[in-house]
């Protein structure tokens, strides 16, 4: 198992070397990442890891692994590796990179511009549809008919509508449609608009009193966002977000049934448990740093808002009398000591791999001194668990509560 810090504040746990190699090849793990060194209990650069060195060396030794850039048609100047290899020396750069056919891109852009201009000219030179310029034709026709033959408007409309519509070829050079059809369409459209146009009601007058009432909710919302209640709500949301990230990290660490027999056996069980415990300790460290930043930021915000909006002393005391969301100092000390002692117990088992046996709830060491050290740590862990439960750690939302949930009903086997 490999615990890798991809970037500051983001860690990832890889179960096998294959998963780590895949992440390095994908680029998730790069030279800026760090890996947790279990022997020294420190973070070191990933570039010191032998597997990272091997992958980087293999990538440098294989120049043909880079994907050949393929382009299309005239815009790219080439189609693949065969064309790049056949480029003339005149088109080569001083660094040895060839740029074949430099003239293709400007030529393609010039041809595209000419085709676009020709299409626009062709579109404007063709005949216009009936609905184009209808308002202008309608106004001109109405004035002409009103001056010449006002009484015969109905007859002209019937005569024009009754005639079959004349066909206009798309290849014609005329830029206007027949006048009679345009006049008839204009008259029919004007009459239909007169018959179907609804009468809009008169808009009500807006008084100053109603305007103030309409603007009152917005001012209330602005006042509410700057209130102490809104600040406390945002403060609680920030702590909830940090706690959610802590719970997700503990699920990634997989610390369920921490003292089960399968986790204490040599040959991988103890090693995996120590790696999981190291990941959980790192998540707890980040969570406590976030809590300190949240407390500091909101304390500064309260001070600034109290001065800006002139909060009363009673309102300021309401902030300091809020329910604390940060873990109690006693539980913080107990959880830190519990993590350290559990790691020490696992270190003893790791050092005595193959020299102890677990039978049910008992463990026997071949080295009596190792059994004495194990027994001292086991009793100390039991006392710390009892103290954390008595201090309310079982119902706490912080790291102490999550550690007690990870231990559950399991217990370390007694030494014999």
Protein backbone atom coordinates (compact mmCIF):
# COMPACT_ATOMS: atom_id res chain seq x y z
CA UNK A 1 0.00 0.00 0.00
CA UNK A 2 1.25 3.48 -0.91
CA UNK A 3 -0.07 6.71 0.60
CA UNK A 4 0.67 9.49 -1.87
CA UNK A 5 0.11 13.23 -1.47
CA UNK A 6 -0.87 14.33 -5.00
CA UNK A 7 -0.80 17.99 -4.02
CA UNK A 8 -0.95 19.87 -0.70
CA UNK A 9 -4.17 18.91 1.04
CA UNK A 10 -5.08 15.98 -1.25
CA UNK A 11 -3.91 12.43 -0.54
CA UNK A 12 -4.63 9.15 -2.30
CA UNK A 13 -4.11 5.57 -1.10
CA UNK A 14 -2.92 3.00 -3.67
CA UNK A 15 -3.38 -0.63 -2.70
CA UNK A 16 -0.71 -2.13 -4.96
CA UNK A 17 2.31 -1.17 -7.02
CA UNK A 18 0.29 -1.67 -10.22
CA UNK A 19 -2.19 1.01 -9.15
CA UNK A 20 0.69 3.37 -8.36
CA UNK A 21 2.35 2.68 -11.73
CA UNK A 22 -0.93 3.33 -13.55
CA UNK A 23 -1.37 6.65 -11.71
CA UNK A 24 2.21 7.67 -12.64
CA UNK A 25 1.63 6.86 -16.32
CA UNK A 26 -1.69 8.72 -16.36
CA UNK A 27 -0.04 11.80 -14.84
CA UNK A 28 -2.02 11.81 -11.59
CA UNK A 29 1.27 11.32 -9.74
CA UNK A 30 4.02 13.64 -10.97
CA UNK A 31 7.36 14.97 -9.74
CA UNK A 32 5.61 17.35 -7.31
CA UNK A 33 3.89 14.50 -5.44
CA UNK A 34 5.13 12.96 -2.19
CA UNK A 35 4.89 9.42 -0.80
CA UNK A 36 4.71 8.41 2.86
CA UNK A 37 7.81 6.44 3.88
CA UNK A 38 6.70 3.94 6.51
CA UNK A 39 10.14 3.10 7.89
CA UNK A 40 11.03 6.72 8.67
CA UNK A 41 7.42 7.90 9.15
CA UNK A 42 8.10 10.87 6.86
CA UNK A 43 6.91 12.27 3.54
CA UNK A 44 9.49 12.02 0.75
CA UNK A 45 9.45 13.06 -2.89
CA UNK A 46 7.98 10.53 -5.32
CA UNK A 47 11.03 11.04 -7.55
CA UNK A 48 13.05 8.98 -5.04
CA UNK A 49 10.73 5.99 -5.43
CA UNK A 50 12.36 3.24 -7.59
CA UNK A 51 9.15 2.51 -9.48
CA UNK A 52 8.78 6.17 -10.48
CA UNK A 53 12.41 6.24 -11.62
CA UNK A 54 11.91 3.10 -13.74
CA UNK A 55 8.79 4.49 -15.45
CA UNK A 56 10.47 7.84 -16.20
CA UNK A 57 13.61 6.12 -17.54
CA UNK A 58 11.52 3.84 -19.77
CA UNK A 59 9.63 6.84 -21.17
CA UNK A 60 12.90 8.63 -22.00
CA UNK A 61 14.46 5.55 -23.65
CA UNK A 62 11.44 5.02 -25.93
CA UNK A 63 11.30 8.05 -28.30
CA UNK A 64 8.75 6.34 -30.53
CA UNK A 65 6.14 6.29 -27.77
CA UNK A 66 5.07 9.86 -28.56
CA UNK A 67 1.92 10.02 -30.63
CA UNK A 68 2.42 11.32 -34.17
CA UNK A 69 0.34 14.40 -34.84
CA UNK A 70 -2.06 13.88 -37.72
CA UNK A 71 -3.73 16.72 -39.56
CA UNK A 72 -6.16 16.90 -42.40
CA UNK A 73 -6.12 18.37 -45.88
CA UNK A 74 -4.59 21.68 -46.76
CA UNK A 75 -4.78 23.20 -43.29
CA UNK A 76 -2.25 20.90 -41.65
CA UNK A 77 0.39 20.53 -44.33
CA UNK A 78 0.81 16.78 -43.86
CA UNK A 79 -0.98 13.61 -42.94
CA UNK A 80 1.35 11.44 -40.88
CA UNK A 81 4.84 10.24 -40.18
CA UNK A 82 5.55 9.28 -43.80
CA UNK A 83 4.95 12.84 -45.00
CA UNK A 84 6.98 14.26 -42.18
CA UNK A 85 9.86 12.04 -43.10
CA UNK A 86 9.73 13.14 -46.75
CA UNK A 87 9.83 16.88 -45.98
CA UNK A 88 12.41 18.87 -47.86
CA UNK A 89 15.42 20.28 -46.05
CA UNK A 90 14.37 23.81 -47.03
CA UNK A 91 11.35 23.58 -44.70
CA UNK A 92 13.35 22.45 -41.70
CA UNK A 93 13.90 24.57 -38.62
CA UNK A 94 17.34 25.03 -37.01
CA UNK A 95 16.38 22.62 -34.23
CA UNK A 96 15.81 19.77 -36.67
CA UNK A 97 11.98 19.89 -36.66
CA UNK A 98 10.60 19.95 -40.18
CA UNK A 99 7.67 22.13 -41.20
CA UNK A 100 6.55 20.72 -44.57
CA UNK A 101 4.57 22.79 -47.02
CA UNK A 102 4.40 26.14 -45.26
CA UNK A 103 2.26 27.56 -48.08
CA UNK A 104 -0.74 25.29 -47.48
CA UNK A 105 -2.28 27.07 -44.50
CA UNK A 106 -2.33 30.64 -45.97
CA UNK A 107 -3.54 29.21 -49.30
CA UNK A 108 -6.39 27.36 -47.59
CA UNK A 109 -7.40 30.47 -45.64
CA UNK A 110 -7.42 32.55 -48.84
CA UNK A 111 -9.59 30.01 -50.69
CA UNK A 112 -12.03 29.83 -47.75
CA UNK A 113 -12.35 33.64 -47.71
CA UNK A 114 -13.08 33.77 -51.44
CA UNK A 115 -15.74 31.06 -51.17
CA UNK A 116 -17.41 32.88 -48.25
CA UNK A 117 -17.54 36.22 -50.10
CA UNK A 118 -18.90 34.51 -53.25
CA UNK A 119 -21.64 32.80 -51.22
CA UNK A 120 -22.72 36.10 -49.65
CA UNK A 121 -22.89 37.84 -53.04
CA UNK A 122 -24.90 34.96 -54.53
CA UNK A 123 -27.36 35.03 -51.61
CA UNK A 124 -28.07 38.77 -52.03
CA UNK A 125 -28.35 38.62 -55.85
CA UNK A 126 -31.22 36.10 -55.96
CA UNK A 127 -35.00 36.80 -55.84
CA UNK A 128 -36.52 37.78 -52.51
CA UNK A 129 -39.31 35.74 -50.87
CA UNK A 130 -42.81 37.20 -50.40
CA UNK A 131 -42.32 37.94 -46.74
CA UNK A 132 -39.16 40.02 -47.31
CA UNK A 133 -39.95 43.74 -47.22
CA UNK A 134 -43.68 43.14 -46.67
CA UNK A 135 -44.10 46.15 -44.37
CA UNK A 136 -42.58 48.53 -46.96
CA UNK A 137 -44.68 47.09 -49.85
CA UNK A 138 -47.81 47.25 -47.71
CA UNK A 139 -47.33 50.92 -46.89
CA UNK A 140 -46.63 51.86 -50.53
CA UNK A 141 -49.56 49.83 -51.86
CA UNK A 142 -52.01 51.19 -49.31
CA UNK A 143 -51.14 54.78 -50.22
CA UNK A 144 -51.43 54.05 -53.96
CA UNK A 145 -54.79 52.30 -53.61
CA UNK A 146 -56.16 54.98 -51.28
CA UNK A 147 -55.40 57.69 -53.91
CA UNK A 148 -56.62 55.84 -56.99
CA UNK A 149 -59.30 53.21 -56.35
CA UNK A 150 -60.47 53.36 -52.76
CA UNK A 151 -64.08 52.07 -53.43
CA UNK A 152 -62.87 49.05 -55.43
CA UNK A 153 -60.58 47.57 -52.76
CA UNK A 154 -62.75 44.48 -52.24
CA UNK A 155 -63.02 43.83 -55.96
CA UNK A 156 -59.28 44.12 -56.46
CA UNK A 157 -58.66 41.77 -53.56
CA UNK A 158 -61.12 39.13 -54.87
CA UNK A 159 -59.81 39.38 -58.39
CA UNK A 160 -56.21 39.08 -57.27
CA UNK A 161 -56.79 36.25 -54.82
CA UNK A 162 -58.79 34.26 -57.36
CA UNK A 163 -55.95 34.22 -59.89
CA UNK A 164 -53.47 31.36 -59.75
CA UNK A 165 -50.14 32.41 -58.25
CA UNK A 166 -47.48 33.13 -60.80
CA UNK A 167 -44.32 31.04 -60.64
CA UNK A 168 -40.93 32.68 -60.34
CA UNK A 169 -37.86 30.71 -61.30
CA UNK A 170 -34.94 30.69 -58.91
CA UNK A 171 -32.69 31.35 -61.91
CA UNK A 172 -34.53 34.60 -62.71
CA UNK A 173 -32.62 37.86 -62.51
CA UNK A 174 -35.60 39.77 -61.08
CA UNK A 175 -35.19 41.02 -57.50
CA UNK A 176 -38.93 41.54 -56.74
CA UNK A 177 -42.08 39.40 -56.84
CA UNK A 178 -45.19 40.30 -58.93
CA UNK A 179 -46.88 43.47 -57.73
CA UNK A 180 -50.42 42.13 -57.80
CA UNK A 181 -49.60 39.21 -55.51
CA UNK A 182 -47.80 41.51 -53.08
CA UNK A 183 -50.75 43.93 -52.98
CA UNK A 184 -53.29 41.16 -52.40
CA UNK A 185 -51.20 39.60 -49.64
CA UNK A 186 -50.77 43.00 -48.03
CA UNK A 187 -54.51 43.76 -48.00
CA UNK A 188 -55.48 40.33 -46.66
CA UNK A 189 -52.84 40.56 -43.96
CA UNK A 190 -53.93 44.11 -42.96
CA UNK A 191 -57.60 43.09 -42.67
CA UNK A 192 -56.78 39.98 -40.61
CA UNK A 193 -54.63 42.05 -38.25
CA UNK A 194 -57.46 44.56 -37.77
CA UNK A 195 -59.95 41.79 -36.97
CA UNK A 196 -57.73 39.74 -34.59
CA UNK A 197 -55.58 42.36 -32.86
CA UNK A 198 -56.44 42.34 -29.11
CA UNK A 199 -56.90 45.56 -27.19
CA UNK A 200 -54.28 45.81 -24.48
CA UNK A 201 -55.38 47.15 -21.08
CA UNK A 202 -53.92 50.33 -19.78
CA UNK A 203 -50.95 49.85 -17.50
CA UNK A 204 -51.52 50.80 -13.85
CA UNK A 205 -49.69 53.74 -12.36
CA UNK A 206 -46.84 52.88 -10.01
CA UNK A 207 -47.04 54.83 -6.77
CA UNK A 208 -44.14 55.57 -4.45
CA UNK A 209 -45.71 53.59 -1.60
CA UNK A 210 -46.00 50.41 -3.65
CA UNK A 211 -42.43 50.92 -4.87
CA UNK A 212 -41.18 51.00 -1.28
CA UNK A 213 -43.14 47.86 -0.47
CA UNK A 214 -41.64 46.09 -3.48
CA UNK A 215 -38.12 47.02 -2.44
CA UNK A 216 -38.63 46.14 1.24
CA UNK A 217 -37.99 42.33 0.92
CA UNK A 218 -34.64 42.93 -0.75
CA UNK A 219 -33.51 45.22 2.05
CA UNK A 220 -34.67 42.64 4.59
CA UNK A 221 -32.65 39.95 2.82
CA UNK A 222 -29.57 42.16 2.87
CA UNK A 223 -30.00 42.80 6.59
CA UNK A 224 -30.59 39.10 7.25
CA UNK A 225 -27.39 38.08 5.42
CA UNK A 226 -25.36 40.38 7.69
CA UNK A 227 -27.01 39.19 10.88
CA UNK A 228 -25.48 37.06 13.62
CA UNK A 229 -27.78 34.14 12.79
CA UNK A 230 -26.60 34.05 9.17
CA UNK A 231 -22.97 34.17 10.31
CA UNK A 232 -23.49 31.27 12.74
CA UNK A 233 -25.20 29.29 9.97
CA UNK A 234 -22.23 29.79 7.62
CA UNK A 235 -19.86 28.88 10.47
CA UNK A 236 -21.72 25.61 11.07
CA UNK A 237 -21.76 24.83 7.33
CA UNK A 238 -17.96 25.27 7.16
CA UNK A 239 -17.44 22.85 10.05
CA UNK A 240 -19.88 20.35 8.52
CA UNK A 241 -17.96 20.45 5.24
CA UNK A 242 -14.64 19.77 7.00
CA UNK A 243 -16.21 16.90 8.98
CA UNK A 244 -17.61 15.37 5.78
CA UNK A 245 -14.14 15.34 4.25
CA UNK A 246 -12.78 13.69 7.43
CA UNK A 247 -15.43 10.96 7.29
CA UNK A 248 -14.63 10.32 3.62
CA UNK A 249 -10.93 10.02 4.47
CA UNK A 250 -11.59 7.56 7.27
CA UNK A 251 -13.66 5.44 4.87
CA UNK A 252 -10.74 5.46 2.43
CA UNK A 253 -8.37 4.37 5.23
CA UNK A 254 -10.63 1.33 6.01
CA UNK A 255 -10.07 1.08 9.75
CA UNK A 256 -13.15 -0.98 10.55
CA UNK A 257 -12.55 -3.67 13.25
CA UNK A 258 -9.10 -2.30 13.98
CA UNK A 259 -8.10 -4.99 16.50
CA UNK A 260 -9.50 -8.00 14.65
CA UNK A 261 -7.23 -11.08 14.51
CA UNK A 262 -6.89 -10.86 10.72
CA UNK A 263 -5.37 -7.39 11.06
CA UNK A 264 -2.77 -8.51 13.61
CA UNK A 265 -1.37 -11.51 11.74
CA UNK A 266 2.03 -11.33 10.03
CA UNK A 267 2.43 -11.65 6.28
CA UNK A 268 0.58 -8.51 5.25
CA UNK A 269 -2.11 -8.01 7.89
CA UNK A 270 -0.02 -5.88 10.25
CA UNK A 271 1.60 -3.97 7.36
CA UNK A 272 -1.74 -3.08 5.78
CA UNK A 273 -3.15 -2.03 9.14
CA UNK A 274 -0.19 0.29 9.79
CA UNK A 275 -0.60 1.89 6.37
CA UNK A 276 -4.32 2.41 6.98
CA UNK A 277 -3.57 3.89 10.39
CA UNK A 278 -1.01 6.27 8.86
CA UNK A 279 -3.58 7.42 6.30
CA UNK A 280 -6.18 8.01 9.03
CA UNK A 281 -3.65 10.01 11.08
CA UNK A 282 -2.93 12.20 8.08
CA UNK A 283 -6.64 12.88 7.47
CA UNK A 284 -7.08 13.79 11.15
CA UNK A 285 -4.11 16.18 10.97
CA UNK A 286 -5.61 17.97 7.93
CA UNK A 287 -9.02 18.15 9.65
CA UNK A 288 -7.58 19.83 12.72
CA UNK A 289 -5.72 22.36 10.57
CA UNK A 290 -8.98 23.19 8.79
CA UNK A 291 -10.73 23.65 12.13
CA UNK A 292 -8.08 26.14 13.26
CA UNK A 293 -8.42 28.11 10.01
CA UNK A 294 -12.23 28.19 10.25
CA UNK A 295 -12.16 29.43 13.84
CA UNK A 296 -9.61 32.12 13.03
CA UNK A 297 -11.39 33.33 9.88
CA UNK A 298 -14.84 33.61 11.49
CA UNK A 299 -13.45 35.30 14.58
CA UNK A 300 -11.95 37.99 12.35
CA UNK A 301 -15.25 38.25 10.46
CA UNK A 302 -17.21 38.79 13.68
CA UNK A 303 -14.82 41.53 14.76
CA UNK A 304 -15.08 43.33 11.41
CA UNK A 305 -18.89 43.04 11.16
CA UNK A 306 -19.38 44.20 14.75
CA UNK A 307 -17.49 47.39 13.93
CA UNK A 308 -19.11 47.96 10.53
CA UNK A 309 -22.73 47.35 11.56
CA UNK A 310 -22.32 48.54 15.18
CA UNK A 311 -23.49 45.38 16.88
CA UNK A 312 -24.62 45.71 20.46
CA UNK A 313 -22.63 44.01 23.28
CA UNK A 314 -25.49 41.56 23.73
CA UNK A 315 -25.26 40.52 20.10
CA UNK A 316 -21.50 40.05 20.32
CA UNK A 317 -21.92 37.92 23.46
CA UNK A 318 -24.31 35.75 21.45
CA UNK A 319 -21.42 34.76 19.20
CA UNK A 320 -19.17 33.77 22.09
CA UNK A 321 -21.98 31.79 23.75
CA UNK A 322 -22.56 29.60 20.66
CA UNK A 323 -22.32 25.82 20.83
CA UNK A 324 -18.67 24.82 20.21
CA UNK A 325 -18.13 22.74 17.08
CA UNK A 326 -14.40 22.20 17.57
CA UNK A 327 -13.28 18.99 19.31
CA UNK A 328 -12.71 19.32 23.04
CA UNK A 329 -9.02 19.67 24.05
CA UNK A 330 -9.20 16.56 26.26
CA UNK A 331 -10.59 14.42 23.43
CA UNK A 332 -7.99 15.87 21.06
CA UNK A 333 -5.17 14.77 23.41
CA UNK A 334 -6.72 11.34 23.97
CA UNK A 335 -7.22 10.67 20.26
CA UNK A 336 -3.64 11.69 19.46
CA UNK A 337 -2.21 9.48 22.21
CA UNK A 338 -4.44 6.58 21.15
CA UNK A 339 -3.21 6.78 17.57
CA UNK A 340 0.41 6.83 18.72
CA UNK A 341 0.04 3.81 21.05
CA UNK A 342 -1.86 1.74 18.48
CA UNK A 343 0.93 2.38 15.98
CA UNK A 344 3.49 1.32 18.64
CA UNK A 345 1.64 -1.96 19.24
CA UNK A 346 1.55 -2.66 15.51
CA UNK A 347 5.27 -1.82 15.37
CA UNK A 348 6.01 -4.47 18.02
CA UNK A 349 4.01 -7.07 16.08
CA UNK A 350 5.74 -6.09 12.85
CA UNK A 351 9.18 -6.43 14.47
CA UNK A 352 8.26 -9.87 15.91
CA UNK A 353 6.78 -11.20 12.64
CA UNK A 354 6.88 -15.01 12.72
CA UNK A 355 7.81 -15.05 16.43
CA UNK A 356 4.28 -14.88 17.90
CA UNK A 357 1.02 -16.79 17.60
CA UNK A 358 -2.57 -15.69 18.15
CA UNK A 359 -5.06 -18.22 19.50
CA UNK A 360 -8.52 -16.72 20.02
CA UNK A 361 -8.17 -13.87 22.52
CA UNK A 362 -4.60 -14.72 23.54
CA UNK A 363 -1.21 -14.00 21.98
CA UNK A 364 2.10 -15.73 22.78
CA UNK A 365 5.55 -14.26 22.00
CA UNK A 366 8.74 -16.27 21.71
CA UNK A 367 10.67 -13.31 23.14
CA UNK A 368 9.53 -12.57 26.74
CA UNK A 369 10.70 -8.94 26.57
CA UNK A 370 8.54 -8.32 23.48
CA UNK A 371 5.57 -9.77 25.38
CA UNK A 372 6.17 -7.35 28.27
CA UNK A 373 6.33 -4.33 25.95
CA UNK A 374 3.17 -5.50 24.19
CA UNK A 375 1.34 -5.97 27.50
CA UNK A 376 2.26 -2.46 28.70
CA UNK A 377 1.00 -0.88 25.49
CA UNK A 378 -2.18 -3.00 25.49
CA UNK A 379 -3.15 -1.87 29.01
CA UNK A 380 -2.37 1.76 28.16
CA UNK A 381 -4.59 1.60 25.06
CA UNK A 382 -7.43 0.09 27.07
CA UNK A 383 -7.22 2.89 29.66
CA UNK A 384 -7.22 5.54 26.92
CA UNK A 385 -10.28 4.00 25.24
CA UNK A 386 -12.15 3.98 28.58
CA UNK A 387 -11.14 7.62 29.22
CA UNK A 388 -12.31 8.68 25.75
CA UNK A 389 -15.68 6.98 26.25
CA UNK A 390 -16.07 8.63 29.68
CA UNK A 391 -15.27 12.05 28.17
CA UNK A 392 -18.05 11.71 25.58
CA UNK A 393 -15.95 10.50 22.69
CA UNK A 394 -18.53 7.89 21.74
CA UNK A 395 -21.00 10.61 20.72
CA UNK A 396 -18.40 13.10 19.46
CA UNK A 397 -18.35 14.10 15.78
CA UNK A 398 -14.59 14.56 15.81
CA UNK A 399 -11.66 12.18 15.30
CA UNK A 400 -12.08 10.58 18.74
CA UNK A 401 -15.59 9.39 17.87
CA UNK A 402 -14.44 8.05 14.49
CA UNK A 403 -11.55 6.16 16.11
CA UNK A 404 -13.86 4.57 18.66
CA UNK A 405 -16.18 3.55 15.82
CA UNK A 406 -13.22 2.01 13.96
CA UNK A 407 -12.24 -0.04 17.05
CA UNK A 408 -15.82 -1.10 17.69
CA UNK A 409 -16.17 -4.17 19.88
CA UNK A 410 -12.73 -5.58 19.05
CA UNK A 411 -9.89 -5.65 21.56
CA UNK A 412 -6.23 -6.56 21.54
CA UNK A 413 -5.51 -10.19 22.55
CA UNK A 414 -3.99 -10.73 25.98
CA UNK A 415 -0.39 -11.76 26.24
CA UNK A 416 0.45 -15.15 27.72
